[in-house]
Amino acid sequence: MISIEGQTLDPLTRERLSHPAVGGVILFARNYVSPTQLADLTRDIRSAKSSPLLIAVDQEGGRVQRFTDSFTRLPALRLIGDLYDRDPDRACCWARAVGTVLASELVAVGVDFSFAPVLDLASANKTIGERAFHKNPNIVRLLGSQFALGMKRCGMRAVAKHFPGHSGVIEDPHLDFPKDCRSLNEIQLTDTKVYQGLDPDMFGGIMTCHVGFSAVDDLPATLSSRWLRQELRERLHFTGVIFSDDLMMGALREITDPAERVLKAYTAGCDMMLLCNDQPAIDFVLDSVHLSPRGEKMQARIEKMQLRDIPGPTGQMLIDAKERVINPEL
């Protein structure tokens, strides 16, 4: 999954998207001007290749919302968790409403899914902060599931992130390689507890994190088969898509070759690897990496991330959901 530069597709970008290894596009604020322009862009992206390209965005709420003008401003997830401490029922309704509004607005412009919700536990981590619902894994799983239920109403599957979790480190993996020295048992009782029993019909994907867990594996979780195959697939029985976080982050700087990062992530168990904000690196990878063909199971789970054509919420339901997003006390 690659990023693109402009608000329309130029010939070079069309050529990149037609490459056999490209399976999707992640959009950023730079790709957006208006809902009409964005709908035209997503149609052009889909026409760039005969096989379907997934189209994604980071539209979480709070400080991570790529599309803002003419879109509903979504709250930071921490605010929903704070409300849960005072009024659990209203918090669940708010989480569901936010998921509904987020998905309905993306569906209208042809985006398949958002990399949301964040299921990291609330902590002092610099990159997560108010993006996390709560420090209690049971509350995080509950609110995350309500958020995903709202998305499901609109035909969209959620992507939980970032597995196994950032709560044991402070560093920002965009800049540094965080190292967590906790035991596997401690991590299973806290961070990864939120991933137990997630409804596969709501959570179609999980995104990894670039954190090293020294008691488990010296490699970052994104590049670790111990985490992705043994923990996520075998112990937690996750059957959806495993997305890497952006492989161009500073946490992976010791692996200077972006092609090697892609191969290591793929070998570890990632189904789709993200390459963002570095067009020369993207071109280098596309020219030099030859991945083994997708198996039928991998292809099937990736295809499930496409928007589902289902009857969405009624107009009044959407109006009510938007009002609740703005005023959760309703």
Protein backbone atom coordinates (compact mmCIF):
# COMPACT_ATOMS: atom_id res chain seq x y z
CA MET A 1 0.00 0.00 0.00
CA ILE A 2 1.58 3.24 -1.14
CA SER A 3 0.98 6.95 -0.73
CA ILE A 4 0.55 9.37 -3.62
CA GLU A 5 1.51 13.02 -3.88
CA GLY A 6 -1.23 15.02 -5.58
CA GLN A 7 -4.95 15.68 -5.66
CA THR A 8 -5.24 14.07 -9.09
CA LEU A 9 -3.38 11.23 -10.77
CA ASP A 10 -0.52 12.14 -13.08
CA PRO A 11 0.85 9.59 -15.60
CA LEU A 12 3.73 8.53 -13.32
CA THR A 13 1.38 7.87 -10.41
CA ARG A 14 -0.94 5.85 -12.66
CA GLU A 15 2.06 3.77 -13.71
CA ARG A 16 2.97 3.11 -10.06
CA LEU A 17 -0.57 2.07 -9.22
CA SER A 18 -0.66 -0.39 -12.11
CA HIS A 19 2.37 -2.27 -10.77
CA PRO A 20 1.49 -5.89 -9.85
CA ALA A 21 2.86 -5.49 -6.30
CA VAL A 22 0.67 -2.49 -5.46
CA GLY A 23 -2.52 -3.49 -3.66
CA GLY A 24 -3.72 -0.22 -2.20
CA VAL A 25 -3.36 3.51 -1.63
CA ILE A 26 -3.27 5.40 1.66
CA LEU A 27 -4.46 9.00 1.37
CA PHE A 28 -3.26 12.00 3.36
CA ALA A 29 -4.39 15.60 3.89
CA ARG A 30 -2.34 16.69 0.87
CA ASN A 31 -4.60 14.56 -1.36
CA TYR A 32 -7.77 16.36 -0.24
CA VAL A 33 -9.45 19.59 -1.33
CA SER A 34 -13.16 18.84 -1.18
CA PRO A 35 -15.53 15.85 -1.06
CA THR A 36 -16.20 16.19 -4.81
CA GLN A 37 -12.49 16.24 -5.65
CA LEU A 38 -11.86 13.27 -3.34
CA ALA A 39 -14.66 11.21 -4.88
CA ASP A 40 -13.16 11.88 -8.33
CA LEU A 41 -9.72 10.87 -7.08
CA THR A 42 -10.90 7.57 -5.58
CA ARG A 43 -12.72 6.73 -8.85
CA ASP A 44 -9.53 7.42 -10.79
CA ILE A 45 -7.49 5.27 -8.42
CA ARG A 46 -9.87 2.35 -8.94
CA SER A 47 -9.66 2.76 -12.71
CA ALA A 48 -5.84 2.67 -12.65
CA LYS A 49 -5.77 -1.11 -12.37
CA SER A 50 -7.98 -4.01 -13.43
CA SER A 51 -7.74 -5.71 -10.01
CA PRO A 52 -9.27 -3.74 -7.12
CA LEU A 53 -7.03 -1.35 -5.20
CA LEU A 54 -7.88 -0.78 -1.55
CA ILE A 55 -8.19 2.88 -0.58
CA ALA A 56 -7.50 3.81 3.05
CA VAL A 57 -6.89 6.81 5.29
CA ASP A 58 -6.03 7.61 8.90
CA GLN A 59 -9.33 9.18 10.00
CA GLU A 60 -9.36 8.53 13.74
CA GLY A 61 -10.59 11.74 15.31
CA GLY A 62 -8.81 14.28 17.47
CA ARG A 63 -5.43 15.27 16.08
CA VAL A 64 -5.38 12.44 13.53
CA GLN A 65 -8.03 13.33 10.96
CA ARG A 66 -6.76 13.76 7.40
CA PHE A 67 -9.99 15.13 5.93
CA THR A 68 -11.48 18.03 7.88
CA ASP A 69 -13.14 20.70 5.71
CA SER A 70 -16.72 19.58 4.98
CA PHE A 71 -16.20 16.55 7.24
CA THR A 72 -17.50 16.26 10.79
CA ARG A 73 -14.79 16.99 13.35
CA LEU A 74 -14.44 13.80 15.37
CA PRO A 75 -13.43 13.75 19.04
CA ALA A 76 -10.18 12.32 20.35
CA LEU A 77 -10.83 8.79 21.61
CA ARG A 78 -9.57 9.70 25.08
CA LEU A 79 -12.64 11.93 25.52
CA ILE A 80 -14.86 8.91 24.94
CA GLY A 81 -12.92 6.97 27.55
CA ASP A 82 -13.22 9.86 30.00
CA LEU A 83 -16.99 9.85 29.52
CA TYR A 84 -17.03 6.09 30.16
CA ASP A 85 -15.70 6.71 33.67
CA ARG A 86 -18.75 8.92 34.34
CA ASP A 87 -21.43 7.31 32.18
CA PRO A 88 -20.61 3.98 30.45
CA ASP A 89 -23.85 3.79 28.45
CA ARG A 90 -23.44 7.26 26.96
CA ALA A 91 -19.80 6.55 26.17
CA CYS A 92 -20.75 3.40 24.24
CA CYS A 93 -23.38 5.36 22.31
CA TRP A 94 -20.83 8.09 21.56
CA ALA A 95 -18.24 5.58 20.32
CA ARG A 96 -20.84 3.95 18.08
CA ALA A 97 -21.97 7.33 16.72
CA VAL A 98 -18.40 8.39 15.94
CA GLY A 99 -17.79 5.15 14.05
CA THR A 100 -21.03 5.61 12.11
CA VAL A 101 -20.30 9.20 11.10
CA LEU A 102 -16.66 8.47 10.26
CA ALA A 103 -17.61 5.56 8.00
CA SER A 104 -20.62 7.20 6.35
CA GLU A 105 -18.57 10.22 5.30
CA LEU A 106 -15.75 8.06 3.91
CA VAL A 107 -18.17 5.76 2.11
CA ALA A 108 -19.66 8.79 0.36
CA VAL A 109 -16.29 9.64 -1.23
CA GLY A 110 -15.26 6.08 -2.11
CA VAL A 111 -12.76 5.28 0.67
CA ASP A 112 -12.78 1.61 1.67
CA PHE A 113 -11.70 1.96 5.28
CA SER A 114 -9.89 3.99 7.91
CA PHE A 115 -7.01 2.70 10.01
CA ALA A 116 -9.13 3.03 13.13
CA PRO A 117 -9.82 2.64 15.99
CA VAL A 118 -6.65 2.86 18.07
CA LEU A 119 -6.66 0.06 20.66
CA ASP A 120 -3.40 0.99 22.38
CA LEU A 121 -3.77 1.42 26.12
CA ALA A 122 -3.59 4.97 27.43
CA SER A 123 -0.06 5.70 28.64
CA ALA A 124 2.72 8.27 28.48
CA ASN A 125 3.66 7.25 24.94
CA LYS A 126 4.39 10.31 22.82
CA THR A 127 2.78 9.14 19.61
CA ILE A 128 -0.44 7.78 21.16
CA GLY A 129 -1.48 10.24 23.88
CA GLU A 130 -5.15 11.20 23.56
CA ARG A 131 -5.57 8.77 20.64
CA ALA A 132 -6.17 5.97 23.19
CA PHE A 133 -9.58 5.33 24.76
CA HIS A 134 -8.47 4.25 28.22
CA LYS A 135 -5.80 2.46 30.26
CA ASN A 136 -8.10 -0.48 31.10
CA PRO A 137 -7.91 -3.14 28.36
CA ASN A 138 -11.49 -4.30 28.94
CA ILE A 139 -12.83 -0.78 28.48
CA VAL A 140 -10.64 -0.25 25.41
CA ARG A 141 -11.97 -3.45 23.82
CA LEU A 142 -15.58 -2.51 24.61
CA LEU A 143 -15.36 1.04 23.28
CA GLY A 144 -13.33 -0.09 20.27
CA SER A 145 -15.98 -2.69 19.44
CA GLN A 146 -18.76 -0.09 19.70
CA PHE A 147 -16.75 2.20 17.41
CA ALA A 148 -16.31 -0.67 14.92
CA LEU A 149 -20.02 -1.50 15.14
CA GLY A 150 -20.82 2.02 13.98
CA MET A 151 -18.48 1.54 11.02
CA LYS A 152 -20.04 -1.82 10.20
CA ARG A 153 -23.47 -0.18 9.88
CA CYS A 154 -22.09 1.67 6.86
CA GLY A 155 -20.46 -1.36 5.22
CA MET A 156 -16.93 -0.64 6.49
CA ARG A 157 -14.60 -2.94 8.43
CA ALA A 158 -12.40 -1.49 11.15
CA VAL A 159 -8.62 -1.85 11.49
CA ALA A 160 -7.43 -2.08 15.09
CA LYS A 161 -4.01 -0.66 15.87
CA HIS A 162 -1.19 -0.93 16.91
CA PHE A 163 -0.42 -4.57 17.78
CA PRO A 164 1.00 -5.56 20.26
CA GLY A 165 0.90 -2.06 21.76
CA HIS A 166 2.82 1.09 22.71
CA SER A 167 1.92 1.40 26.40
CA GLY A 168 5.24 0.08 27.71
CA VAL A 169 7.38 2.66 25.90
CA ILE A 170 7.56 6.44 25.68
CA GLU A 171 9.43 6.94 22.40
CA ASP A 172 7.71 7.86 19.14
CA PRO A 173 8.48 5.19 16.49
CA HIS A 174 8.22 7.84 13.77
CA LEU A 175 11.57 9.03 15.15
CA ASP A 176 13.14 6.29 17.31
CA PHE A 177 13.08 2.54 17.89
CA PRO A 178 11.18 1.99 21.17
CA LYS A 179 12.22 -1.02 23.28
CA ASP A 180 9.87 -2.63 25.79
CA CYS A 181 11.47 -5.01 28.31
CA ARG A 182 8.27 -6.41 29.86
CA SER A 183 7.64 -10.14 29.96
CA LEU A 184 5.35 -11.81 27.44
CA ASN A 185 2.95 -12.71 30.25
CA GLU A 186 2.66 -9.08 31.35
CA ILE A 187 1.99 -7.93 27.79
CA GLN A 188 -0.64 -10.64 27.32
CA LEU A 189 -2.43 -9.51 30.47
CA THR A 190 -2.48 -5.88 29.35
CA ASP A 191 -1.81 -4.68 25.79
CA THR A 192 -2.78 -7.74 23.77
CA LYS A 193 -5.78 -8.51 25.97
CA VAL A 194 -7.76 -6.00 23.90
CA TYR A 195 -7.30 -8.20 20.81
CA GLN A 196 -8.89 -11.29 22.36
CA GLY A 197 -12.21 -12.20 20.81
CA LEU A 198 -12.53 -9.27 18.41
CA ASP A 199 -15.49 -9.84 16.07
CA PRO A 200 -13.94 -10.70 12.65
CA ASP A 201 -16.99 -9.31 10.86
CA MET A 202 -16.28 -5.88 12.37
CA PHE A 203 -12.48 -5.92 12.59
CA GLY A 204 -11.19 -6.86 9.17
CA GLY A 205 -7.62 -5.83 9.89
CA ILE A 206 -4.98 -5.15 12.52
CA MET A 207 -2.00 -2.82 12.11
CA THR A 208 1.35 -3.64 13.70
CA CYS A 209 3.69 -1.40 15.70
CA HIS A 210 7.43 -0.83 15.34
CA VAL A 211 8.24 -1.61 18.98
CA GLY A 212 10.87 -4.11 20.07
CA PHE A 213 9.88 -6.44 22.92
CA SER A 214 13.24 -7.73 24.11
CA ALA A 215 11.84 -10.53 26.29
CA VAL A 216 10.02 -11.94 23.25
CA ASP A 217 12.03 -11.05 20.13
CA ASP A 218 14.82 -8.58 19.34
CA LEU A 219 13.07 -7.59 16.12
CA PRO A 220 10.38 -4.88 15.93
CA ALA A 221 6.94 -6.49 16.16
CA THR A 222 6.24 -5.57 12.52
CA LEU A 223 9.14 -7.78 11.44
CA SER A 224 8.59 -10.57 13.99
CA SER A 225 6.96 -13.87 13.10
CA ARG A 226 6.94 -14.59 16.84
CA TRP A 227 4.42 -11.77 17.26
CA LEU A 228 2.50 -11.95 14.01
CA ARG A 229 2.28 -15.69 13.40
CA GLN A 230 2.54 -17.24 16.87
CA GLU A 231 0.76 -14.60 18.95
CA LEU A 232 -1.67 -12.90 16.59
CA ARG A 233 -2.55 -15.75 14.25
CA GLU A 234 -2.14 -18.83 16.45
CA ARG A 235 -2.83 -17.75 20.02
CA LEU A 236 -5.34 -14.96 19.35
CA HIS A 237 -6.83 -16.70 16.26
CA PHE A 238 -6.98 -13.50 14.21
CA THR A 239 -8.08 -14.27 10.64
CA GLY A 240 -8.15 -10.79 9.08
CA VAL A 241 -5.54 -8.71 7.26
CA ILE A 242 -2.29 -7.85 9.01
CA PHE A 243 -1.13 -4.40 7.89
CA SER A 244 2.32 -3.11 8.72
CA ASP A 245 2.63 0.39 10.05
CA ASP A 246 4.54 2.69 7.69
CA LEU A 247 7.84 0.98 6.94
CA MET A 248 9.55 4.33 6.31
CA MET A 249 9.40 5.34 10.00
CA GLY A 250 12.55 6.17 11.90
CA ALA A 251 12.16 3.13 14.15
CA LEU A 252 13.41 0.97 11.29
CA ARG A 253 16.31 3.19 10.24
CA GLU A 254 18.88 0.50 11.04
CA ILE A 255 17.48 -1.40 8.08
CA THR A 256 18.49 1.18 5.49
CA ASP A 257 17.22 -0.74 2.47
CA PRO A 258 13.42 -0.23 2.13
CA ALA A 259 13.18 -3.36 0.00
CA GLU A 260 14.63 -5.39 2.86
CA ARG A 261 12.07 -3.88 5.24
CA VAL A 262 9.27 -4.97 2.92
CA LEU A 263 10.63 -8.51 2.57
CA LYS A 264 11.15 -8.90 6.32
CA ALA A 265 7.61 -7.67 7.09
CA TYR A 266 6.13 -9.98 4.48
CA THR A 267 8.12 -12.96 5.73
CA ALA A 268 7.08 -12.23 9.32
CA GLY A 269 3.40 -12.42 8.40
CA CYS A 270 2.21 -9.03 7.16
CA ASP A 271 -0.33 -9.28 4.35
CA MET A 272 0.07 -5.67 3.22
CA MET A 273 3.05 -3.41 3.80
CA LEU A 274 2.71 0.37 3.94
CA LEU A 275 5.23 2.67 2.24
CA CYS A 276 4.43 6.32 2.82
CA ASN A 277 5.79 9.75 1.94
CA ASP A 278 8.92 8.67 0.08
CA GLN A 279 8.37 8.28 -3.66
CA PRO A 280 12.00 7.32 -4.48
CA ALA A 281 11.84 4.53 -1.89
CA ILE A 282 8.51 3.35 -3.28
CA ASP A 283 9.95 3.21 -6.81
CA PHE A 284 13.03 1.37 -5.55
CA VAL A 285 10.88 -1.26 -3.84
CA LEU A 286 8.62 -1.73 -6.85
CA ASP A 287 11.66 -2.15 -9.10
CA SER A 288 13.55 -4.57 -6.87
CA VAL A 289 11.16 -6.62 -4.70
CA HIS A 290 9.54 -9.76 -6.03
CA LEU A 291 7.07 -11.15 -3.50
CA SER A 292 5.67 -14.66 -3.70
CA PRO A 293 2.09 -14.72 -5.03
CA ARG A 294 -0.72 -14.27 -2.53
CA GLY A 295 -2.36 -17.46 -1.41
CA GLU A 296 -6.11 -17.85 -1.65
CA LYS A 297 -6.64 -17.18 2.08
CA MET A 298 -4.57 -13.99 1.98
CA GLN A 299 -6.34 -12.77 -1.14
CA ALA A 300 -9.75 -13.48 0.39
CA ARG A 301 -9.06 -11.55 3.60
CA ILE A 302 -7.67 -8.57 1.66
CA GLU A 303 -10.74 -8.50 -0.57
CA LYS A 304 -12.97 -8.40 2.51
CA MET A 305 -11.58 -4.94 3.29
CA GLN A 306 -13.40 -3.50 0.29
CA LEU A 307 -16.55 -1.55 1.10
CA ARG A 308 -19.60 -3.73 1.51
CA ASP A 309 -22.64 -2.71 -0.50
CA ILE A 310 -25.29 -2.81 2.22
CA PRO A 311 -28.24 -0.60 3.11
CA GLY A 312 -26.63 2.05 5.32
CA PRO A 313 -28.19 4.04 8.13
CA THR A 314 -31.26 6.09 7.29
CA GLY A 315 -30.95 9.83 6.89
CA GLN A 316 -32.44 10.42 10.31
CA MET A 317 -30.08 7.91 11.92
CA LEU A 318 -27.12 9.78 10.45
CA ILE A 319 -28.50 13.11 11.62
CA ASP A 320 -28.91 11.68 15.11
CA ALA A 321 -25.40 10.20 15.03
CA LYS A 322 -23.85 13.52 13.97
CA GLU A 323 -25.70 15.32 16.74
CA ARG A 324 -24.40 12.78 19.25
CA VAL A 325 -20.84 13.17 17.95
CA ILE A 326 -21.06 16.89 18.69
CA ASN A 327 -23.04 16.51 21.91
CA PRO A 328 -22.41 13.15 23.62
CA GLU A 329 -24.71 14.02 26.50
CA LEU A 330 -27.78 13.46 24.29
